[in-house]
Each structure stands twice: as C-alpha cells, then as structure tokens.
Amino acid sequence: CTPATGDDPAEQYHFLFVQCSSVILGVYLLSTTILGNIRPFSETVSY
C-alpha cells in the first residue's frame, strides 16, 4: 500500500491498541491453558 509516513498523531494510539490487545490475548491463552491442565473443561466450555 501507500506507506504510512508516521505523521498521523493517531498512528501511535493504533499501534498501542494492537499491542495491548495482543497482551490481553497472551494472558488469556496462558491462564486458560494452565486452568485446563488443573481441571479439564467440559466440551461446551472448551468451545
């Protein structure tokens, strides 16, 4: 695409949003995996 110049002040907030959402995803994955190993989830909960 046409390269982003970095001049848009909203760009840093867009990057911050993506970074924060990926951190939330990481914490969610880690916690659910550990909980699943401690106590297996039912099939409905798993999906």
All heavy atoms as atom14 arrays in JSON, in Angstrom:
{
  "sequence": "CTPATGDDPAEQYHFLFVQCSSVILGVYLLSTTILGNIRPFSETVSY",
  "atom14_mask": [
    [1, 1, 1, 1, 1, 1, 0, 0, 0, 0, 0, 0, 0, 0],
    [1, 1, 1, 1, 1, 1, 1, 0, 0, 0, 0, 0, 0, 0],
    [1, 1, 1, 1, 1, 1, 1, 0, 0, 0, 0, 0, 0, 0],
    [1, 1, 1, 1, 1, 0, 0, 0, 0, 0, 0, 0, 0, 0],
    [1, 1, 1, 1, 1, 1, 1, 0, 0, 0, 0, 0, 0, 0],
    [1, 1, 1, 1, 0, 0, 0, 0, 0, 0, 0, 0, 0, 0],
    [1, 1, 1, 1, 1, 1, 1, 1, 0, 0, 0, 0, 0, 0],
    [1, 1, 1, 1, 1, 1, 1, 1, 0, 0, 0, 0, 0, 0],
    [1, 1, 1, 1, 1, 1, 1, 0, 0, 0, 0, 0, 0, 0],
    [1, 1, 1, 1, 1, 0, 0, 0, 0, 0, 0, 0, 0, 0],
    [1, 1, 1, 1, 1, 1, 1, 1, 1, 0, 0, 0, 0, 0],
    [1, 1, 1, 1, 1, 1, 1, 1, 1, 0, 0, 0, 0, 0],
    [1, 1, 1, 1, 1, 1, 1, 1, 1, 1, 1, 1, 0, 0],
    [1, 1, 1, 1, 1, 1, 1, 1, 1, 1, 0, 0, 0, 0],
    [1, 1, 1, 1, 1, 1, 1, 1, 1, 1, 1, 0, 0, 0],
    [1, 1, 1, 1, 1, 1, 1, 1, 0, 0, 0, 0, 0, 0],
    [1, 1, 1, 1, 1, 1, 1, 1, 1, 1, 1, 0, 0, 0],
    [1, 1, 1, 1, 1, 1, 1, 0, 0, 0, 0, 0, 0, 0],
    [1, 1, 1, 1, 1, 1, 1, 1, 1, 0, 0, 0, 0, 0],
    [1, 1, 1, 1, 1, 1, 0, 0, 0, 0, 0, 0, 0, 0],
    [1, 1, 1, 1, 1, 1, 0, 0, 0, 0, 0, 0, 0, 0],
    [1, 1, 1, 1, 1, 1, 0, 0, 0, 0, 0, 0, 0, 0],
    [1, 1, 1, 1, 1, 1, 1, 0, 0, 0, 0, 0, 0, 0],
    [1, 1, 1, 1, 1, 1, 1, 1, 0, 0, 0, 0, 0, 0],
    [1, 1, 1, 1, 1, 1, 1, 1, 0, 0, 0, 0, 0, 0],
    [1, 1, 1, 1, 0, 0, 0, 0, 0, 0, 0, 0, 0, 0],
    [1, 1, 1, 1, 1, 1, 1, 0, 0, 0, 0, 0, 0, 0],
    [1, 1, 1, 1, 1, 1, 1, 1, 1, 1, 1, 1, 0, 0],
    [1, 1, 1, 1, 1, 1, 1, 1, 0, 0, 0, 0, 0, 0],
    [1, 1, 1, 1, 1, 1, 1, 1, 0, 0, 0, 0, 0, 0],
    [1, 1, 1, 1, 1, 1, 0, 0, 0, 0, 0, 0, 0, 0],
    [1, 1, 1, 1, 1, 1, 1, 0, 0, 0, 0, 0, 0, 0],
    [1, 1, 1, 1, 1, 1, 1, 0, 0, 0, 0, 0, 0, 0],
    [1, 1, 1, 1, 1, 1, 1, 1, 0, 0, 0, 0, 0, 0],
    [1, 1, 1, 1, 1, 1, 1, 1, 0, 0, 0, 0, 0, 0],
    [1, 1, 1, 1, 0, 0, 0, 0, 0, 0, 0, 0, 0, 0],
    [1, 1, 1, 1, 1, 1, 1, 1, 0, 0, 0, 0, 0, 0],
    [1, 1, 1, 1, 1, 1, 1, 1, 0, 0, 0, 0, 0, 0],
    [1, 1, 1, 1, 1, 1, 1, 1, 1, 1, 1, 0, 0, 0],
    [1, 1, 1, 1, 1, 1, 1, 0, 0, 0, 0, 0, 0, 0],
    [1, 1, 1, 1, 1, 1, 1, 1, 1, 1, 1, 0, 0, 0],
    [1, 1, 1, 1, 1, 1, 0, 0, 0, 0, 0, 0, 0, 0],
    [1, 1, 1, 1, 1, 1, 1, 1, 1, 0, 0, 0, 0, 0],
    [1, 1, 1, 1, 1, 1, 1, 0, 0, 0, 0, 0, 0, 0],
    [1, 1, 1, 1, 1, 1, 1, 0, 0, 0, 0, 0, 0, 0],
    [1, 1, 1, 1, 1, 1, 0, 0, 0, 0, 0, 0, 0, 0],
    [1, 1, 1, 1, 1, 1, 1, 1, 1, 1, 1, 1, 0, 0]
  ],
  "atom14_positions": [
    [[0.86, -1.2, 0.0], [0.0, 0.0, 0.0], [0.89, 1.23, 0.0], [2.11, 1.15, 0.12], [-0.89, 0.02, 1.24], [-1.86, -1.45, 1.5], [0.0, 0.0, 0.0], [0.0, 0.0, 0.0], [0.0, 0.0, 0.0], [0.0, 0.0, 0.0], [0.0, 0.0, 0.0], [0.0, 0.0, 0.0], [0.0, 0.0, 0.0], [0.0, 0.0, 0.0]],
    [[0.26, 2.39, -0.11], [0.99, 3.63, 0.07], [1.54, 3.67, 1.49], [0.78, 3.55, 2.44], [0.08, 4.85, -0.15], [-0.45, 4.81, -1.47], [0.87, 6.14, 0.06], [0.0, 0.0, 0.0], [0.0, 0.0, 0.0], [0.0, 0.0, 0.0], [0.0, 0.0, 0.0], [0.0, 0.0, 0.0], [0.0, 0.0, 0.0], [0.0, 0.0, 0.0]],
    [[2.85, 3.79, 1.67], [3.43, 3.71, 3.01], [2.91, 4.8, 3.94], [2.7, 5.94, 3.54], [4.94, 3.89, 2.76], [5.13, 3.5, 1.33], [3.87, 3.93, 0.62], [0.0, 0.0, 0.0], [0.0, 0.0, 0.0], [0.0, 0.0, 0.0], [0.0, 0.0, 0.0], [0.0, 0.0, 0.0], [0.0, 0.0, 0.0], [0.0, 0.0, 0.0]],
    [[2.71, 4.42, 5.2], [2.33, 5.39, 6.23], [3.56, 6.22, 6.58], [4.65, 5.69, 6.78], [1.81, 4.67, 7.47], [0.0, 0.0, 0.0], [0.0, 0.0, 0.0], [0.0, 0.0, 0.0], [0.0, 0.0, 0.0], [0.0, 0.0, 0.0], [0.0, 0.0, 0.0], [0.0, 0.0, 0.0], [0.0, 0.0, 0.0], [0.0, 0.0, 0.0]],
    [[3.39, 7.55, 6.64], [4.52, 8.44, 6.88], [4.88, 8.57, 8.35], [5.96, 9.02, 8.69], [4.21, 9.85, 6.36], [3.1, 10.38, 7.09], [3.87, 9.8, 4.87], [0.0, 0.0, 0.0], [0.0, 0.0, 0.0], [0.0, 0.0, 0.0], [0.0, 0.0, 0.0], [0.0, 0.0, 0.0], [0.0, 0.0, 0.0], [0.0, 0.0, 0.0]],
    [[3.95, 8.21, 9.24], [4.18, 8.41, 10.66], [3.77, 9.78, 11.14], [3.94, 10.12, 12.32], [0.0, 0.0, 0.0], [0.0, 0.0, 0.0], [0.0, 0.0, 0.0], [0.0, 0.0, 0.0], [0.0, 0.0, 0.0], [0.0, 0.0, 0.0], [0.0, 0.0, 0.0], [0.0, 0.0, 0.0], [0.0, 0.0, 0.0], [0.0, 0.0, 0.0]],
    [[3.23, 10.61, 10.25], [2.81, 11.96, 10.63], [1.46, 11.98, 11.35], [1.17, 12.92, 12.07], [2.71, 12.85, 9.38], [4.08, 13.17, 8.8], [5.05, 13.17, 9.58], [4.17, 13.4, 7.58], [0.0, 0.0, 0.0], [0.0, 0.0, 0.0], [0.0, 0.0, 0.0], [0.0, 0.0, 0.0], [0.0, 0.0, 0.0], [0.0, 0.0, 0.0]],
    [[0.64, 10.97, 11.12], [-0.68, 10.94, 11.73], [-0.54, 10.73, 13.23], [-0.02, 9.7, 13.68], [-1.5, 9.81, 11.11], [-2.96, 9.83, 11.57], [-3.29, 10.66, 12.45], [-3.75, 9.01, 11.07], [0.0, 0.0, 0.0], [0.0, 0.0, 0.0], [0.0, 0.0, 0.0], [0.0, 0.0, 0.0], [0.0, 0.0, 0.0], [0.0, 0.0, 0.0]],
    [[-1.0, 11.69, 14.07], [-0.86, 11.52, 15.53], [-1.64, 10.34, 16.08], [-1.32, 9.84, 17.16], [-1.4, 12.86, 16.08], [-2.27, 13.4, 15.0], [-1.65, 12.95, 13.72], [0.0, 0.0, 0.0], [0.0, 0.0, 0.0], [0.0, 0.0, 0.0], [0.0, 0.0, 0.0], [0.0, 0.0, 0.0], [0.0, 0.0, 0.0], [0.0, 0.0, 0.0]],
    [[-2.65, 9.87, 15.34], [-3.43, 8.73, 15.82], [-2.7, 7.41, 15.61], [-3.08, 6.4, 16.21], [-4.78, 8.69, 15.1], [0.0, 0.0, 0.0], [0.0, 0.0, 0.0], [0.0, 0.0, 0.0], [0.0, 0.0, 0.0], [0.0, 0.0, 0.0], [0.0, 0.0, 0.0], [0.0, 0.0, 0.0], [0.0, 0.0, 0.0], [0.0, 0.0, 0.0]],
    [[-1.64, 7.42, 14.81], [-0.96, 6.17, 14.49], [-0.37, 5.5, 15.71], [-0.45, 4.27, 15.87], [0.13, 6.44, 13.45], [0.81, 5.18, 12.92], [1.72, 5.47, 11.76], [1.2, 5.9, 10.7], [2.94, 5.28, 11.9], [0.0, 0.0, 0.0], [0.0, 0.0, 0.0], [0.0, 0.0, 0.0], [0.0, 0.0, 0.0], [0.0, 0.0, 0.0]],
    [[0.22, 6.29, 16.61], [0.82, 5.7, 17.81], [-0.24, 5.06, 18.7], [0.02, 4.04, 19.35], [1.6, 6.75, 18.59], [0.76, 7.94, 19.06], [1.58, 8.94, 19.85], [2.5, 8.57, 20.56], [1.24, 10.22, 19.72], [0.0, 0.0, 0.0], [0.0, 0.0, 0.0], [0.0, 0.0, 0.0], [0.0, 0.0, 0.0], [0.0, 0.0, 0.0]],
    [[-1.45, 5.62, 18.71], [-2.52, 5.03, 19.5], [-3.04, 3.74, 18.85], [-3.45, 2.81, 19.55], [-3.66, 6.03, 19.68], [-3.24, 7.27, 20.42], [-3.05, 8.48, 19.75], [-3.01, 7.24, 21.8], [-2.66, 9.62, 20.42], [-2.61, 8.38, 22.49], [-2.43, 9.57, 21.8], [-2.03, 10.69, 22.48], [0.0, 0.0, 0.0], [0.0, 0.0, 0.0]],
    [[-3.0, 3.7, 17.52], [-3.38, 2.47, 16.83], [-2.4, 1.35, 17.15], [-2.8, 0.22, 17.44], [-3.42, 2.72, 15.32], [-4.51, 3.66, 14.9], [-4.48, 4.35, 13.7], [-5.66, 4.04, 15.52], [-5.56, 5.11, 13.6], [-6.28, 4.94, 14.69], [0.0, 0.0, 0.0], [0.0, 0.0, 0.0], [0.0, 0.0, 0.0], [0.0, 0.0, 0.0]],
    [[-1.1, 1.66, 17.12], [-0.11, 0.66, 17.49], [-0.29, 0.23, 18.94], [-0.19, -0.96, 19.26], [1.31, 1.22, 17.28], [1.8, 1.12, 15.87], [2.13, 2.26, 15.15], [1.94, -0.11, 15.25], [2.59, 2.18, 13.86], [2.4, -0.2, 13.95], [2.73, 0.94, 13.25], [0.0, 0.0, 0.0], [0.0, 0.0, 0.0], [0.0, 0.0, 0.0]],
    [[-0.55, 1.2, 19.82], [-0.74, 0.87, 21.23], [-1.94, -0.04, 21.42], [-1.9, -0.98, 22.24], [-0.92, 2.16, 22.04], [-1.06, 1.99, 23.55], [0.18, 1.33, 24.14], [-1.32, 3.35, 24.22], [0.0, 0.0, 0.0], [0.0, 0.0, 0.0], [0.0, 0.0, 0.0], [0.0, 0.0, 0.0], [0.0, 0.0, 0.0], [0.0, 0.0, 0.0]],
    [[-3.01, 0.19, 20.68], [-4.2, -0.65, 20.77], [-3.88, -2.08, 20.36], [-4.26, -3.05, 21.03], [-5.32, -0.09, 19.89], [-6.51, -1.01, 19.77], [-7.44, -1.1, 20.79], [-6.67, -1.8, 18.64], [-8.54, -1.95, 20.68], [-7.75, -2.66, 18.52], [-8.69, -2.74, 19.54], [0.0, 0.0, 0.0], [0.0, 0.0, 0.0], [0.0, 0.0, 0.0]],
    [[-3.17, -2.23, 19.24], [-2.83, -3.58, 18.76], [-1.91, -4.27, 19.76], [-2.06, -5.47, 20.06], [-2.17, -3.51, 17.37], [-1.72, -4.88, 16.92], [-3.14, -2.92, 16.36], [0.0, 0.0, 0.0], [0.0, 0.0, 0.0], [0.0, 0.0, 0.0], [0.0, 0.0, 0.0], [0.0, 0.0, 0.0], [0.0, 0.0, 0.0], [0.0, 0.0, 0.0]],
    [[-0.96, -3.53, 20.3], [-0.04, -4.12, 21.28], [-0.78, -4.56, 22.55], [-0.55, -5.67, 23.06], [1.06, -3.11, 21.63], [2.04, -2.86, 20.49], [2.82, -1.58, 20.63], [2.55, -0.75, 21.51], [3.8, -1.37, 19.77], [0.0, 0.0, 0.0], [0.0, 0.0, 0.0], [0.0, 0.0, 0.0], [0.0, 0.0, 0.0], [0.0, 0.0, 0.0]],
    [[-1.68, -3.71, 23.04], [-2.43, -4.06, 24.25], [-3.36, -5.25, 24.01], [-3.48, -6.14, 24.87], [-3.23, -2.85, 24.73], [-2.23, -1.52, 25.41], [0.0, 0.0, 0.0], [0.0, 0.0, 0.0], [0.0, 0.0, 0.0], [0.0, 0.0, 0.0], [0.0, 0.0, 0.0], [0.0, 0.0, 0.0], [0.0, 0.0, 0.0], [0.0, 0.0, 0.0]],
    [[-3.99, -5.28, 22.85], [-4.9, -6.4, 22.55], [-4.12, -7.71, 22.45], [-4.62, -8.77, 22.85], [-5.67, -6.13, 21.26], [-4.79, -6.04, 20.15], [0.0, 0.0, 0.0], [0.0, 0.0, 0.0], [0.0, 0.0, 0.0], [0.0, 0.0, 0.0], [0.0, 0.0, 0.0], [0.0, 0.0, 0.0], [0.0, 0.0, 0.0], [0.0, 0.0, 0.0]],
    [[-2.9, -7.65, 21.92], [-2.1, -8.87, 21.84], [-1.65, -9.33, 23.22], [-1.58, -10.54, 23.49], [-0.88, -8.64, 20.94], [-0.02, -7.66, 21.49], [0.0, 0.0, 0.0], [0.0, 0.0, 0.0], [0.0, 0.0, 0.0], [0.0, 0.0, 0.0], [0.0, 0.0, 0.0], [0.0, 0.0, 0.0], [0.0, 0.0, 0.0], [0.0, 0.0, 0.0]],
    [[-1.39, -8.39, 24.13], [-1.03, -8.75, 25.51], [-2.22, -9.41, 26.2], [-2.07, -10.43, 26.9], [-0.56, -7.52, 26.29], [-0.42, -7.85, 27.78], [0.76, -7.01, 25.75], [0.0, 0.0, 0.0], [0.0, 0.0, 0.0], [0.0, 0.0, 0.0], [0.0, 0.0, 0.0], [0.0, 0.0, 0.0], [0.0, 0.0, 0.0], [0.0, 0.0, 0.0]],
    [[-3.4, -8.85, 26.01], [-4.61, -9.45, 26.6], [-4.81, -10.87, 26.07], [-5.13, -11.79, 26.82], [-5.84, -8.57, 26.28], [-5.73, -7.22, 27.01], [-7.13, -9.27, 26.69], [-6.8, -6.23, 26.61], [0.0, 0.0, 0.0], [0.0, 0.0, 0.0], [0.0, 0.0, 0.0], [0.0, 0.0, 0.0], [0.0, 0.0, 0.0], [0.0, 0.0, 0.0]],
    [[-4.59, -11.05, 24.77], [-4.7, -12.38, 24.18], [-3.7, -13.34, 24.8], [-4.02, -14.49, 25.13], [-4.49, -12.3, 22.66], [-4.4, -13.63, 21.92], [-5.71, -14.41, 22.04], [-4.03, -13.41, 20.46], [0.0, 0.0, 0.0], [0.0, 0.0, 0.0], [0.0, 0.0, 0.0], [0.0, 0.0, 0.0], [0.0, 0.0, 0.0], [0.0, 0.0, 0.0]],
    [[-2.46, -12.86, 25.0], [-1.44, -13.71, 25.59], [-1.77, -14.14, 27.0], [-1.6, -15.31, 27.37], [0.0, 0.0, 0.0], [0.0, 0.0, 0.0], [0.0, 0.0, 0.0], [0.0, 0.0, 0.0], [0.0, 0.0, 0.0], [0.0, 0.0, 0.0], [0.0, 0.0, 0.0], [0.0, 0.0, 0.0], [0.0, 0.0, 0.0], [0.0, 0.0, 0.0]],
    [[-2.23, -13.19, 27.82], [-2.6, -13.51, 29.2], [-3.78, -14.49, 29.22], [-3.81, -15.44, 30.02], [-2.95, -12.23, 29.98], [-3.51, -12.56, 31.35], [-1.73, -11.33, 30.1], [0.0, 0.0, 0.0], [0.0, 0.0, 0.0], [0.0, 0.0, 0.0], [0.0, 0.0, 0.0], [0.0, 0.0, 0.0], [0.0, 0.0, 0.0], [0.0, 0.0, 0.0]],
    [[-4.72, -14.28, 28.33], [-5.89, -15.16, 28.25], [-5.47, -16.58, 27.9], [-5.92, -17.56, 28.51], [-6.86, -14.61, 27.2], [-8.02, -15.53, 26.9], [-9.14, -15.57, 27.73], [-8.0, -16.35, 25.77], [-10.2, -16.41, 27.45], [-9.06, -17.19, 25.48], [-10.16, -17.22, 26.32], [-11.21, -18.06, 26.05], [0.0, 0.0, 0.0], [0.0, 0.0, 0.0]],
    [[-4.59, -16.72, 26.91], [-4.15, -18.04, 26.48], [-3.39, -18.76, 27.59], [-3.59, -19.96, 27.83], [-3.28, -17.93, 25.24], [-3.98, -17.51, 23.95], [-2.96, -17.19, 22.86], [-4.93, -18.6, 23.48], [0.0, 0.0, 0.0], [0.0, 0.0, 0.0], [0.0, 0.0, 0.0], [0.0, 0.0, 0.0], [0.0, 0.0, 0.0], [0.0, 0.0, 0.0]],
    [[-2.51, -18.03, 28.25], [-1.73, -18.65, 29.32], [-2.61, -19.12, 30.46], [-2.48, -20.25, 30.95], [-0.67, -17.66, 29.83], [0.25, -18.18, 30.94], [1.1, -19.34, 30.44], [1.13, -17.06, 31.46], [0.0, 0.0, 0.0], [0.0, 0.0, 0.0], [0.0, 0.0, 0.0], [0.0, 0.0, 0.0], [0.0, 0.0, 0.0], [0.0, 0.0, 0.0]],
    [[-3.53, -18.27, 30.87], [-4.39, -18.61, 32.01], [-5.33, -19.77, 31.68], [-5.51, -20.69, 32.5], [-5.19, -17.39, 32.47], [-5.99, -16.89, 31.41], [0.0, 0.0, 0.0], [0.0, 0.0, 0.0], [0.0, 0.0, 0.0], [0.0, 0.0, 0.0], [0.0, 0.0, 0.0], [0.0, 0.0, 0.0], [0.0, 0.0, 0.0], [0.0, 0.0, 0.0]],
    [[-5.93, -19.77, 30.52], [-6.86, -20.85, 30.16], [-6.13, -22.19, 29.98], [-6.67, -23.24, 30.34], [-7.63, -20.51, 28.87], [-6.7, -20.16, 27.84], [-8.59, -19.36, 29.11], [0.0, 0.0, 0.0], [0.0, 0.0, 0.0], [0.0, 0.0, 0.0], [0.0, 0.0, 0.0], [0.0, 0.0, 0.0], [0.0, 0.0, 0.0], [0.0, 0.0, 0.0]],
    [[-4.91, -22.14, 29.46], [-4.15, -23.38, 29.3], [-3.79, -23.98, 30.65], [-3.93, -25.19, 30.88], [-2.87, -23.13, 28.49], [-3.22, -22.61, 27.2], [-2.08, -24.42, 28.31], [0.0, 0.0, 0.0], [0.0, 0.0, 0.0], [0.0, 0.0, 0.0], [0.0, 0.0, 0.0], [0.0, 0.0, 0.0], [0.0, 0.0, 0.0], [0.0, 0.0, 0.0]],
    [[-3.34, -23.13, 31.56], [-2.97, -23.63, 32.9], [-4.2, -24.14, 33.64], [-4.17, -25.22, 34.26], [-2.27, -22.52, 33.7], [-0.92, -22.18, 33.05], [-2.07, -22.94, 35.15], [-0.2, -21.02, 33.7], [0.0, 0.0, 0.0], [0.0, 0.0, 0.0], [0.0, 0.0, 0.0], [0.0, 0.0, 0.0], [0.0, 0.0, 0.0], [0.0, 0.0, 0.0]],
    [[-5.31, -23.4, 33.57], [-6.54, -23.84, 34.24], [-7.05, -25.15, 33.63], [-7.56, -26.02, 34.36], [-7.62, -22.76, 34.12], [-7.39, -21.49, 34.96], [-8.47, -20.46, 34.65], [-7.37, -21.82, 36.45], [0.0, 0.0, 0.0], [0.0, 0.0, 0.0], [0.0, 0.0, 0.0], [0.0, 0.0, 0.0], [0.0, 0.0, 0.0], [0.0, 0.0, 0.0]],
    [[-6.91, -25.28, 32.31], [-7.34, -26.51, 31.66], [-6.53, -27.71, 32.09], [-7.04, -28.84, 32.16], [0.0, 0.0, 0.0], [0.0, 0.0, 0.0], [0.0, 0.0, 0.0], [0.0, 0.0, 0.0], [0.0, 0.0, 0.0], [0.0, 0.0, 0.0], [0.0, 0.0, 0.0], [0.0, 0.0, 0.0], [0.0, 0.0, 0.0], [0.0, 0.0, 0.0]],
    [[-5.26, -27.49, 32.41], [-4.43, -28.6, 32.88], [-4.75, -28.97, 34.33], [-4.62, -30.13, 34.72], [-2.94, -28.23, 32.76], [-2.49, -28.17, 31.31], [-3.01, -28.89, 30.47], [-1.53, -27.31, 31.02], [0.0, 0.0, 0.0], [0.0, 0.0, 0.0], [0.0, 0.0, 0.0], [0.0, 0.0, 0.0], [0.0, 0.0, 0.0], [0.0, 0.0, 0.0]],
    [[-5.16, -27.97, 35.11], [-5.52, -28.25, 36.51], [-6.85, -28.97, 36.59], [-7.0, -29.97, 37.3], [-5.56, -26.92, 37.31], [-4.16, -26.29, 37.37], [-6.1, -27.18, 38.73], [-4.15, -24.92, 38.02], [0.0, 0.0, 0.0], [0.0, 0.0, 0.0], [0.0, 0.0, 0.0], [0.0, 0.0, 0.0], [0.0, 0.0, 0.0], [0.0, 0.0, 0.0]],
    [[-7.81, -28.45, 35.83], [-9.15, -29.06, 35.83], [-9.71, -29.01, 34.41], [-10.03, -27.93, 33.91], [-10.08, -28.32, 36.79], [-11.47, -28.95, 36.9], [-12.33, -28.21, 37.9], [-13.65, -28.82, 38.02], [-14.62, -28.38, 38.82], [-14.38, -27.33, 39.6], [-15.79, -28.97, 38.86], [0.0, 0.0, 0.0], [0.0, 0.0, 0.0], [0.0, 0.0, 0.0]],
    [[-9.81, -30.16, 33.75], [-10.27, -30.18, 32.36], [-11.65, -29.53, 32.19], [-12.53, -29.7, 33.02], [-10.33, -31.67, 32.03], [-9.39, -32.31, 32.99], [-9.48, -31.5, 34.25], [0.0, 0.0, 0.0], [0.0, 0.0, 0.0], [0.0, 0.0, 0.0], [0.0, 0.0, 0.0], [0.0, 0.0, 0.0], [0.0, 0.0, 0.0], [0.0, 0.0, 0.0]],
    [[-11.79, -28.76, 31.11], [-13.06, -28.1, 30.82], [-14.01, -29.07, 30.14], [-13.58, -30.02, 29.46], [-12.84, -26.88, 29.91], [-11.95, -25.83, 30.51], [-10.71, -25.54, 29.94], [-12.33, -25.12, 31.65], [-9.89, -24.57, 30.47], [-11.51, -24.14, 32.19], [-10.29, -23.88, 31.61], [0.0, 0.0, 0.0], [0.0, 0.0, 0.0], [0.0, 0.0, 0.0]],
    [[-15.29, -28.8, 30.28], [-16.29, -29.56, 29.53], [-16.19, -29.17, 28.06], [-15.6, -28.16, 27.7], [-17.69, -29.28, 30.07], [-18.05, -27.92, 29.84], [0.0, 0.0, 0.0], [0.0, 0.0, 0.0], [0.0, 0.0, 0.0], [0.0, 0.0, 0.0], [0.0, 0.0, 0.0], [0.0, 0.0, 0.0], [0.0, 0.0, 0.0], [0.0, 0.0, 0.0]],
    [[-16.81, -29.96, 27.22], [-16.72, -29.7, 25.78], [-17.35, -28.36, 25.42], [-16.82, -27.62, 24.59], [-17.41, -30.83, 25.02], [-17.27, -30.72, 23.51], [-17.8, -31.94, 22.78], [-18.18, -32.92, 23.45], [-17.85, -31.89, 21.54], [0.0, 0.0, 0.0], [0.0, 0.0, 0.0], [0.0, 0.0, 0.0], [0.0, 0.0, 0.0], [0.0, 0.0, 0.0]],
    [[-18.47, -28.02, 26.07], [-19.14, -26.75, 25.79], [-18.26, -25.57, 26.18], [-18.08, -24.62, 25.41], [-20.47, -26.67, 26.54], [-21.3, -27.77, 26.15], [-21.18, -25.36, 26.22], [0.0, 0.0, 0.0], [0.0, 0.0, 0.0], [0.0, 0.0, 0.0], [0.0, 0.0, 0.0], [0.0, 0.0, 0.0], [0.0, 0.0, 0.0], [0.0, 0.0, 0.0]],
    [[-17.69, -25.64, 27.38], [-16.81, -24.56, 27.85], [-15.59, -24.45, 26.96], [-15.12, -23.33, 26.66], [-16.41, -24.82, 29.32], [-15.37, -23.78, 29.77], [-17.62, -24.77, 30.23], [0.0, 0.0, 0.0], [0.0, 0.0, 0.0], [0.0, 0.0, 0.0], [0.0, 0.0, 0.0], [0.0, 0.0, 0.0], [0.0, 0.0, 0.0], [0.0, 0.0, 0.0]],
    [[-15.06, -25.57, 26.51], [-13.87, -25.56, 25.66], [-14.12, -24.78, 24.38], [-13.3, -23.95, 23.97], [-13.46, -26.99, 25.33], [-13.1, -27.7, 26.49], [0.0, 0.0, 0.0], [0.0, 0.0, 0.0], [0.0, 0.0, 0.0], [0.0, 0.0, 0.0], [0.0, 0.0, 0.0], [0.0, 0.0, 0.0], [0.0, 0.0, 0.0], [0.0, 0.0, 0.0]],
    [[-15.26, -25.02, 23.76], [-15.56, -24.32, 22.5], [-15.85, -22.83, 22.75], [-15.56, -21.99, 21.88], [-16.73, -24.99, 21.8], [-16.34, -26.29, 21.12], [-16.78, -27.51, 21.6], [-15.5, -26.27, 20.01], [-16.4, -28.7, 20.98], [-15.11, -27.45, 19.38], [-15.57, -28.66, 19.88], [-15.18, -29.84, 19.27], [0.0, 0.0, 0.0], [0.0, 0.0, 0.0]]
  ]
}
